[in-house]
Amino acid sequence: MIDDGSNPPASPGPGDAAAPYATILGQHLALPIRDYFRIVEQEPLPVQLAGLLERFEAAVAARGQVVAFDFRSDIIKALPALRTFALSLVGDVSRADDLVQETFVKAWANQARFRPGTNFTAWLFTILRNQFYSELRKHRREIEDVDGTHASQMTSLSDQEDASTLKVVWKQLGTLPVAQRQALLLVGAEGHTYEEAASKLGCQVGTVKSRVSRARSSLLDTLGVVVAGQAPAA
C-alpha cells in the first residue's frame, strides 16, 4: 500500500544504516524553507542540476555567445529552488528539467528586462510560471474536457501579482507535511532520483512519487491551476 505522505517515515533504529542520513534530514530538510535554500545555494550544484547548467551554456554557445559571469552566478544560486518549483508544477523530473531549461533560455534572451536591485530568483520564478501556463494552454485540447471546465480554469496570475509568485511558493512549500517536503526537496533541489530518495528516506519508490504528487497538487491548488490527471491535495 502506498503511503499518502501525510506522516514522516519512522525513525530508524540504532543499527539502521539510514540513521546518519536521518540525522542530516533533521538538520537541513526540516529547516524553514527559505533557510534551507540559503544553505543549498552555497553548496556545489548536484550532478543533475549541474547538467542543466551545462545544457544552457551549450545552447548559448551554439548562438556564438558566452554566458556572463554574473548571470551564471545568479542562475546557479536560483537553480535548486527553481527546479523544485518546476517539479512541483509538472510532477515529472524530465519535464521539470525541460521547463527549467526553457526558463533559462528565455531569461537570457530577455535579461535586459530584468531590473537591477530586484529579486533575480523571483524573476526566474515568474518566467517559469508563465512558461508553464503557456504550455497548459498549448496542450489544452489534449485535456479530456468535453464542457471546457478545466480549460477555462487554466488561468495565470495577473501581471500585477508577478512579484508575489516567489512569496506564494515559499509559503506553500513551507506548509507542506514534512514527508512531502522532504521528498520534493530531495528530488527537486538535490537532484536525487526517486530510487535514491526512497533509499535515503527508508520507504518505497512509489511512496516518494506519491508524496511529490500530493505536494504538486497542493501547490497547483494554491495557484488556482487545474490540470488533467491532477490528484487531490488532501
C-alpha atoms as a PDB file:
ATOM      1  CA  MET A   1       0.000   0.000   0.000  1.00  0.00           C
ATOM      2  CA  ILE A   2       1.375   3.446  -0.921  1.00  0.00           C
ATOM      3  CA  ASP A   3       1.743   5.922   1.920  1.00  0.00           C
ATOM      4  CA  ASP A   4      -0.087   9.171   1.209  1.00  0.00           C
ATOM      5  CA  GLY A   5       2.835  11.144   2.632  1.00  0.00           C
ATOM      6  CA  SER A   6       0.902  12.755   5.466  1.00  0.00           C
ATOM      7  CA  ASN A   7       3.335  11.387   8.026  1.00  0.00           C
ATOM      8  CA  PRO A   8       7.155  11.330   8.031  1.00  0.00           C
ATOM      9  CA  PRO A   9       8.942   7.972   7.961  1.00  0.00           C
ATOM     10  CA  ALA A  10       9.564   6.204  11.237  1.00  0.00           C
ATOM     11  CA  SER A  11      12.889   6.935  12.890  1.00  0.00           C
ATOM     12  CA  PRO A  12      15.490   4.278  12.095  1.00  0.00           C
ATOM     13  CA  GLY A  13      16.815   2.084  14.860  1.00  0.00           C
ATOM     14  CA  PRO A  14      20.318   2.336  16.294  1.00  0.00           C
ATOM     15  CA  GLY A  15      21.653  -0.321  13.922  1.00  0.00           C
ATOM     16  CA  ASP A  16      19.954   1.055  10.824  1.00  0.00           C
ATOM     17  CA  ALA A  17      22.377   2.237   8.138  1.00  0.00           C
ATOM     18  CA  ALA A  18      19.980   5.064   7.295  1.00  0.00           C
ATOM     19  CA  ALA A  19      20.374   6.600  10.757  1.00  0.00           C
ATOM     20  CA  PRO A  20      23.197   9.037   9.852  1.00  0.00           C
ATOM     21  CA  TYR A  21      21.213  10.378   6.904  1.00  0.00           C
ATOM     22  CA  ALA A  22      18.075  10.632   9.041  1.00  0.00           C
ATOM     23  CA  THR A  23      20.043  12.942  11.310  1.00  0.00           C
ATOM     24  CA  ILE A  24      21.036  15.077   8.338  1.00  0.00           C
ATOM     25  CA  LEU A  25      17.413  15.220   7.222  1.00  0.00           C
ATOM     26  CA  GLY A  26      16.500  16.620  10.596  1.00  0.00           C
ATOM     27  CA  GLN A  27      19.249  19.202  10.329  1.00  0.00           C
ATOM     28  CA  HIS A  28      18.522  20.715   6.930  1.00  0.00           C
ATOM     29  CA  LEU A  29      15.354  19.419   5.276  1.00  0.00           C
ATOM     30  CA  ALA A  30      13.387  20.310   8.381  1.00  0.00           C
ATOM     31  CA  LEU A  31      14.586  23.922   8.293  1.00  0.00           C
ATOM     32  CA  PRO A  32      12.217  26.730   7.292  1.00  0.00           C
ATOM     33  CA  ILE A  33      12.109  26.640   3.504  1.00  0.00           C
ATOM     34  CA  ARG A  34      13.978  29.914   2.938  1.00  0.00           C
ATOM     35  CA  ASP A  35      16.728  28.897   5.349  1.00  0.00           C
ATOM     36  CA  TYR A  36      17.028  25.564   3.566  1.00  0.00           C
ATOM     37  CA  PHE A  37      17.572  27.216   0.194  1.00  0.00           C
ATOM     38  CA  ARG A  38      20.023  29.739   1.649  1.00  0.00           C
ATOM     39  CA  ILE A  39      22.165  26.788   2.704  1.00  0.00           C
ATOM     40  CA  VAL A  40      21.683  24.837  -0.531  1.00  0.00           C
ATOM     41  CA  GLU A  41      22.629  27.771  -2.754  1.00  0.00           C
ATOM     42  CA  GLN A  42      26.030  27.936  -1.060  1.00  0.00           C
ATOM     43  CA  GLU A  43      26.791  24.306  -1.874  1.00  0.00           C
ATOM     44  CA  PRO A  44      28.176  22.935  -5.183  1.00  0.00           C
ATOM     45  CA  LEU A  45      25.418  22.007  -7.621  1.00  0.00           C
ATOM     46  CA  PRO A  46      24.403  18.323  -7.587  1.00  0.00           C
ATOM     47  CA  VAL A  47      25.335  16.469 -10.784  1.00  0.00           C
ATOM     48  CA  GLN A  48      21.789  16.503 -12.145  1.00  0.00           C
ATOM     49  CA  LEU A  49      21.451  20.250 -11.683  1.00  0.00           C
ATOM     50  CA  ALA A  50      24.950  20.953 -12.986  1.00  0.00           C
ATOM     51  CA  GLY A  51      23.916  19.118 -16.138  1.00  0.00           C
ATOM     52  CA  LEU A  52      21.090  21.620 -16.644  1.00  0.00           C
ATOM     53  CA  LEU A  53      23.571  24.470 -16.412  1.00  0.00           C
ATOM     54  CA  GLU A  54      25.813  22.796 -18.971  1.00  0.00           C
ATOM     55  CA  ARG A  55      22.871  22.341 -21.347  1.00  0.00           C
ATOM     56  CA  PHE A  56      22.012  26.007 -21.053  1.00  0.00           C
ATOM     57  CA  GLU A  57      25.597  27.140 -21.636  1.00  0.00           C
ATOM     58  CA  ALA A  58      25.816  24.850 -24.667  1.00  0.00           C
ATOM     59  CA  ALA A  59      22.615  26.375 -26.087  1.00  0.00           C
ATOM     60  CA  VAL A  60      24.033  29.862 -25.635  1.00  0.00           C
ATOM     61  CA  ALA A  61      27.385  28.836 -27.136  1.00  0.00           C
ATOM     62  CA  ALA A  62      25.581  27.449 -30.188  1.00  0.00           C
ATOM     63  CA  ARG A  63      24.463  31.019 -30.844  1.00  0.00           C
ATOM     64  CA  GLY A  64      28.039  32.247 -30.659  1.00  0.00           C
ATOM     65  CA  GLN A  65      27.576  33.780 -27.214  1.00  0.00           C
ATOM     66  CA  VAL A  66      29.014  33.235 -23.741  1.00  0.00           C
ATOM     67  CA  VAL A  67      27.027  33.368 -20.512  1.00  0.00           C
ATOM     68  CA  ALA A  68      28.182  36.346 -18.475  1.00  0.00           C
ATOM     69  CA  PHE A  69      29.747  35.531 -15.097  1.00  0.00           C
ATOM     70  CA  ASP A  70      27.169  37.460 -13.036  1.00  0.00           C
ATOM     71  CA  PHE A  71      24.237  35.898 -14.898  1.00  0.00           C
ATOM     72  CA  ARG A  72      25.740  32.448 -14.485  1.00  0.00           C
ATOM     73  CA  SER A  73      26.299  33.003 -10.765  1.00  0.00           C
ATOM     74  CA  ASP A  74      22.727  34.165 -10.284  1.00  0.00           C
ATOM     75  CA  ILE A  75      21.165  31.172 -12.046  1.00  0.00           C
ATOM     76  CA  ILE A  76      23.385  28.779 -10.068  1.00  0.00           C
ATOM     77  CA  LYS A  77      22.018  30.261  -6.834  1.00  0.00           C
ATOM     78  CA  ALA A  78      18.452  30.083  -8.113  1.00  0.00           C
ATOM     79  CA  LEU A  79      18.643  26.630  -9.697  1.00  0.00           C
ATOM     80  CA  PRO A  80      17.788  24.373  -6.695  1.00  0.00           C
ATOM     81  CA  ALA A  81      14.702  26.431  -5.828  1.00  0.00           C
ATOM     82  CA  LEU A  82      13.709  26.851  -9.476  1.00  0.00           C
ATOM     83  CA  ARG A  83      13.916  23.117 -10.193  1.00  0.00           C
ATOM     84  CA  THR A  84      11.905  22.363  -7.058  1.00  0.00           C
ATOM     85  CA  PHE A  85       9.241  24.793  -8.264  1.00  0.00           C
ATOM     86  CA  ALA A  86       9.244  23.199 -11.721  1.00  0.00           C
ATOM     87  CA  LEU A  87       8.894  19.692 -10.278  1.00  0.00           C
ATOM     88  CA  SER A  88       6.056  20.818  -8.036  1.00  0.00           C
ATOM     89  CA  LEU A  89       4.242  22.171 -11.102  1.00  0.00           C
ATOM     90  CA  VAL A  90       4.690  19.297 -13.565  1.00  0.00           C
ATOM     91  CA  GLY A  91       5.346  16.303 -11.288  1.00  0.00           C
ATOM     92  CA  ASP A  92       7.839  14.731 -13.701  1.00  0.00           C
ATOM     93  CA  VAL A  93      11.625  15.093 -13.493  1.00  0.00           C
ATOM     94  CA  SER A  94      12.242  15.155 -17.246  1.00  0.00           C
ATOM     95  CA  ARG A  95       9.514  17.719 -17.870  1.00  0.00           C
ATOM     96  CA  ALA A  96      10.730  19.789 -14.932  1.00  0.00           C
ATOM     97  CA  ASP A  97      14.257  19.870 -16.377  1.00  0.00           C
ATOM     98  CA  ASP A  98      12.912  20.961 -19.760  1.00  0.00           C
ATOM     99  CA  LEU A  99      10.873  23.695 -18.080  1.00  0.00           C
ATOM    100  CA  VAL A 100      13.931  24.960 -16.215  1.00  0.00           C
ATOM    101  CA  GLN A 101      15.965  24.890 -19.425  1.00  0.00           C
ATOM    102  CA  GLU A 102      13.340  26.905 -21.284  1.00  0.00           C
ATOM    103  CA  THR A 103      13.227  29.370 -18.395  1.00  0.00           C
ATOM    104  CA  PHE A 104      16.980  29.950 -18.569  1.00  0.00           C
ATOM    105  CA  VAL A 105      16.890  30.473 -22.329  1.00  0.00           C
ATOM    106  CA  LYS A 106      14.044  32.986 -22.038  1.00  0.00           C
ATOM    107  CA  ALA A 107      15.722  34.780 -19.152  1.00  0.00           C
ATOM    108  CA  TRP A 108      18.938  35.056 -21.177  1.00  0.00           C
ATOM    109  CA  ALA A 109      17.089  36.409 -24.197  1.00  0.00           C
ATOM    110  CA  ASN A 110      15.213  38.940 -22.055  1.00  0.00           C
ATOM    111  CA  GLN A 111      17.854  39.829 -19.486  1.00  0.00           C
ATOM    112  CA  ALA A 112      17.638  43.499 -20.438  1.00  0.00           C
ATOM    113  CA  ARG A 113      14.141  43.459 -18.930  1.00  0.00           C
ATOM    114  CA  PHE A 114      15.415  42.456 -15.511  1.00  0.00           C
ATOM    115  CA  ARG A 115      15.509  45.419 -13.167  1.00  0.00           C
ATOM    116  CA  PRO A 116      18.775  45.585 -11.197  1.00  0.00           C
ATOM    117  CA  GLY A 117      18.190  45.602  -7.473  1.00  0.00           C
ATOM    118  CA  THR A 118      15.111  43.378  -7.662  1.00  0.00           C
ATOM    119  CA  ASN A 119      14.953  39.679  -6.813  1.00  0.00           C
ATOM    120  CA  PHE A 120      16.507  37.660  -9.662  1.00  0.00           C
ATOM    121  CA  THR A 121      15.153  34.349  -8.358  1.00  0.00           C
ATOM    122  CA  ALA A 122      11.634  35.797  -8.175  1.00  0.00           C
ATOM    123  CA  TRP A 123      12.017  36.989 -11.776  1.00  0.00           C
ATOM    124  CA  LEU A 124      13.002  33.479 -12.885  1.00  0.00           C
ATOM    125  CA  PHE A 125      10.058  32.014 -10.970  1.00  0.00           C
ATOM    126  CA  THR A 126       7.722  34.324 -12.866  1.00  0.00           C
ATOM    127  CA  ILE A 127       9.217  33.320 -16.216  1.00  0.00           C
ATOM    128  CA  LEU A 128       8.939  29.622 -15.327  1.00  0.00           C
ATOM    129  CA  ARG A 129       5.379  30.017 -14.079  1.00  0.00           C
ATOM    130  CA  ASN A 130       4.320  31.850 -17.237  1.00  0.00           C
ATOM    131  CA  GLN A 131       6.005  29.224 -19.420  1.00  0.00           C
ATOM    132  CA  PHE A 132       4.116  26.525 -17.534  1.00  0.00           C
ATOM    133  CA  TYR A 133       0.807  28.323 -18.132  1.00  0.00           C
ATOM    134  CA  SER A 134       1.663  28.761 -21.815  1.00  0.00           C
ATOM    135  CA  GLU A 135       2.269  25.032 -22.159  1.00  0.00           C
ATOM    136  CA  LEU A 136      -1.031  24.271 -20.451  1.00  0.00           C
ATOM    137  CA  ARG A 137      -2.878  26.470 -22.901  1.00  0.00           C
ATOM    138  CA  LYS A 138      -0.996  24.982 -25.836  1.00  0.00           C
ATOM    139  CA  HIS A 139      -1.978  21.452 -24.870  1.00  0.00           C
ATOM    140  CA  ARG A 140      -5.463  22.148 -23.550  1.00  0.00           C
ATOM    141  CA  ARG A 141      -7.033  20.316 -26.488  1.00  0.00           C
ATOM    142  CA  GLU A 142      -5.399  17.162 -25.130  1.00  0.00           C
ATOM    143  CA  ILE A 143      -7.297  17.502 -21.884  1.00  0.00           C
ATOM    144  CA  GLU A 144     -10.371  15.345 -21.604  1.00  0.00           C
ATOM    145  CA  ASP A 145     -12.697  18.235 -21.002  1.00  0.00           C
ATOM    146  CA  VAL A 146     -15.889  17.998 -23.003  1.00  0.00           C
ATOM    147  CA  ASP A 147     -17.614  21.029 -21.500  1.00  0.00           C
ATOM    148  CA  GLY A 148     -14.463  23.171 -21.273  1.00  0.00           C
ATOM    149  CA  THR A 149     -14.485  23.381 -17.482  1.00  0.00           C
ATOM    150  CA  HIS A 150     -10.824  22.506 -16.957  1.00  0.00           C
ATOM    151  CA  ALA A 151      -9.584  24.610 -19.859  1.00  0.00           C
ATOM    152  CA  SER A 152     -11.461  27.646 -18.579  1.00  0.00           C
ATOM    153  CA  GLN A 153      -9.731  27.314 -15.197  1.00  0.00           C
ATOM    154  CA  MET A 154      -6.197  27.236 -16.611  1.00  0.00           C
ATOM    155  CA  THR A 155      -5.548  30.861 -15.770  1.00  0.00           C
ATOM    156  CA  SER A 156      -2.423  32.682 -14.663  1.00  0.00           C
ATOM    157  CA  LEU A 157      -1.946  35.351 -12.049  1.00  0.00           C
ATOM    158  CA  SER A 158      -2.192  38.897 -13.342  1.00  0.00           C
ATOM    159  CA  ASP A 159       0.952  40.831 -14.221  1.00  0.00           C
ATOM    160  CA  GLN A 160       0.411  42.963 -11.110  1.00  0.00           C
ATOM    161  CA  GLU A 161       0.825  39.826  -8.996  1.00  0.00           C
ATOM    162  CA  ASP A 162       4.077  38.651 -10.580  1.00  0.00           C
ATOM    163  CA  ALA A 163       6.166  39.897  -7.670  1.00  0.00           C
ATOM    164  CA  SER A 164       4.230  37.697  -5.262  1.00  0.00           C
ATOM    165  CA  THR A 165       4.913  34.404  -7.065  1.00  0.00           C
ATOM    166  CA  LEU A 166       8.015  33.541  -5.065  1.00  0.00           C
ATOM    167  CA  LYS A 167       6.341  34.510  -1.786  1.00  0.00           C
ATOM    168  CA  VAL A 168       3.347  32.293  -2.564  1.00  0.00           C
ATOM    169  CA  VAL A 169       5.591  29.334  -3.426  1.00  0.00           C
ATOM    170  CA  TRP A 170       7.741  29.755  -0.305  1.00  0.00           C
ATOM    171  CA  LYS A 171       4.648  29.867   1.880  1.00  0.00           C
ATOM    172  CA  GLN A 172       3.078  26.797   0.298  1.00  0.00           C
ATOM    173  CA  LEU A 173       6.271  24.722   0.364  1.00  0.00           C
ATOM    174  CA  GLY A 174       6.728  25.696   3.995  1.00  0.00           C
ATOM    175  CA  THR A 175       3.285  24.432   4.960  1.00  0.00           C
ATOM    176  CA  LEU A 176       3.592  21.036   3.248  1.00  0.00           C
ATOM    177  CA  PRO A 177       3.633  17.965   5.502  1.00  0.00           C
ATOM    178  CA  VAL A 178       7.236  17.142   6.404  1.00  0.00           C
ATOM    179  CA  ALA A 179       7.294  13.893   4.412  1.00  0.00           C
ATOM    180  CA  GLN A 180       6.032  15.601   1.250  1.00  0.00           C
ATOM    181  CA  ARG A 181       8.505  18.466   1.588  1.00  0.00           C
ATOM    182  CA  GLN A 182      11.409  16.068   2.144  1.00  0.00           C
ATOM    183  CA  ALA A 183      10.546  14.064  -0.976  1.00  0.00           C
ATOM    184  CA  LEU A 184      10.113  17.177  -3.115  1.00  0.00           C
ATOM    185  CA  LEU A 185      13.389  18.735  -1.972  1.00  0.00           C
ATOM    186  CA  LEU A 186      15.421  15.547  -2.316  1.00  0.00           C
ATOM    187  CA  VAL A 187      14.271  15.030  -5.897  1.00  0.00           C
ATOM    188  CA  GLY A 188      13.858  18.647  -6.971  1.00  0.00           C
ATOM    189  CA  ALA A 189      16.547  20.683  -5.216  1.00  0.00           C
ATOM    190  CA  GLU A 190      19.131  17.982  -4.532  1.00  0.00           C
ATOM    191  CA  GLY A 191      18.818  16.106  -7.813  1.00  0.00           C
ATOM    192  CA  HIS A 192      18.271  12.607  -6.430  1.00  0.00           C
ATOM    193  CA  THR A 193      16.365  10.038  -8.446  1.00  0.00           C
ATOM    194  CA  TYR A 194      13.160   8.686  -6.964  1.00  0.00           C
ATOM    195  CA  GLU A 195      15.034   5.492  -6.163  1.00  0.00           C
ATOM    196  CA  GLU A 196      17.805   7.359  -4.348  1.00  0.00           C
ATOM    197  CA  ALA A 197      15.314   9.462  -2.420  1.00  0.00           C
ATOM    198  CA  ALA A 198      13.392   6.331  -1.405  1.00  0.00           C
ATOM    199  CA  SER A 199      16.609   4.743  -0.139  1.00  0.00           C
ATOM    200  CA  LYS A 200      17.507   7.815   1.897  1.00  0.00           C
ATOM    201  CA  LEU A 201      14.015   8.156   3.326  1.00  0.00           C
ATOM    202  CA  GLY A 202      13.665   4.440   4.024  1.00  0.00           C
ATOM    203  CA  CYS A 203      10.469   3.994   2.025  1.00  0.00           C
ATOM    204  CA  GLN A 204       9.207   2.620  -1.295  1.00  0.00           C
ATOM    205  CA  VAL A 205       9.770   4.420  -4.607  1.00  0.00           C
ATOM    206  CA  GLY A 206       6.009   4.610  -5.069  1.00  0.00           C
ATOM    207  CA  THR A 207       5.724   6.374  -1.738  1.00  0.00           C
ATOM    208  CA  VAL A 208       8.178   9.072  -2.828  1.00  0.00           C
ATOM    209  CA  LYS A 209       6.278   9.568  -6.088  1.00  0.00           C
ATOM    210  CA  SER A 210       3.004   9.778  -4.179  1.00  0.00           C
ATOM    211  CA  ARG A 211       4.405  12.409  -1.830  1.00  0.00           C
ATOM    212  CA  VAL A 212       5.749  14.505  -4.707  1.00  0.00           C
ATOM    213  CA  SER A 213       2.378  14.201  -6.474  1.00  0.00           C
ATOM    214  CA  ARG A 214       0.481  15.380  -3.412  1.00  0.00           C
ATOM    215  CA  ALA A 215       2.905  18.259  -2.900  1.00  0.00           C
ATOM    216  CA  ARG A 216       2.305  19.214  -6.529  1.00  0.00           C
ATOM    217  CA  SER A 217      -1.467  19.129  -6.116  1.00  0.00           C
ATOM    218  CA  SER A 218      -1.218  21.341  -3.065  1.00  0.00           C
ATOM    219  CA  LEU A 219       0.788  23.990  -4.915  1.00  0.00           C
ATOM    220  CA  LEU A 220      -1.436  23.870  -8.013  1.00  0.00           C
ATOM    221  CA  ASP A 221      -4.483  24.345  -5.789  1.00  0.00           C
ATOM    222  CA  THR A 222      -2.821  27.389  -4.232  1.00  0.00           C
ATOM    223  CA  LEU A 223      -2.075  28.874  -7.658  1.00  0.00           C
ATOM    224  CA  GLY A 224      -5.598  28.100  -8.844  1.00  0.00           C
ATOM    225  CA  VAL A 225      -4.498  25.748 -11.602  1.00  0.00           C
ATOM    226  CA  VAL A 226      -6.421  22.675 -12.744  1.00  0.00           C
ATOM    227  CA  VAL A 227      -4.673  20.145 -14.987  1.00  0.00           C
ATOM    228  CA  ALA A 228      -5.634  16.781 -16.381  1.00  0.00           C
ATOM    229  CA  GLY A 229      -4.911  13.882 -14.055  1.00  0.00           C
ATOM    230  CA  GLN A 230      -4.236  16.099 -11.068  1.00  0.00           C
ATOM    231  CA  ALA A 231      -4.616  14.178  -7.826  1.00  0.00           C
ATOM    232  CA  PRO A 232      -6.431  15.794  -4.903  1.00  0.00           C
ATOM    233  CA  ALA A 233      -4.164  17.575  -2.449  1.00  0.00           C
ATOM    234  CA  ALA A 234      -5.965  16.215   0.579  1.00  0.00           C
END
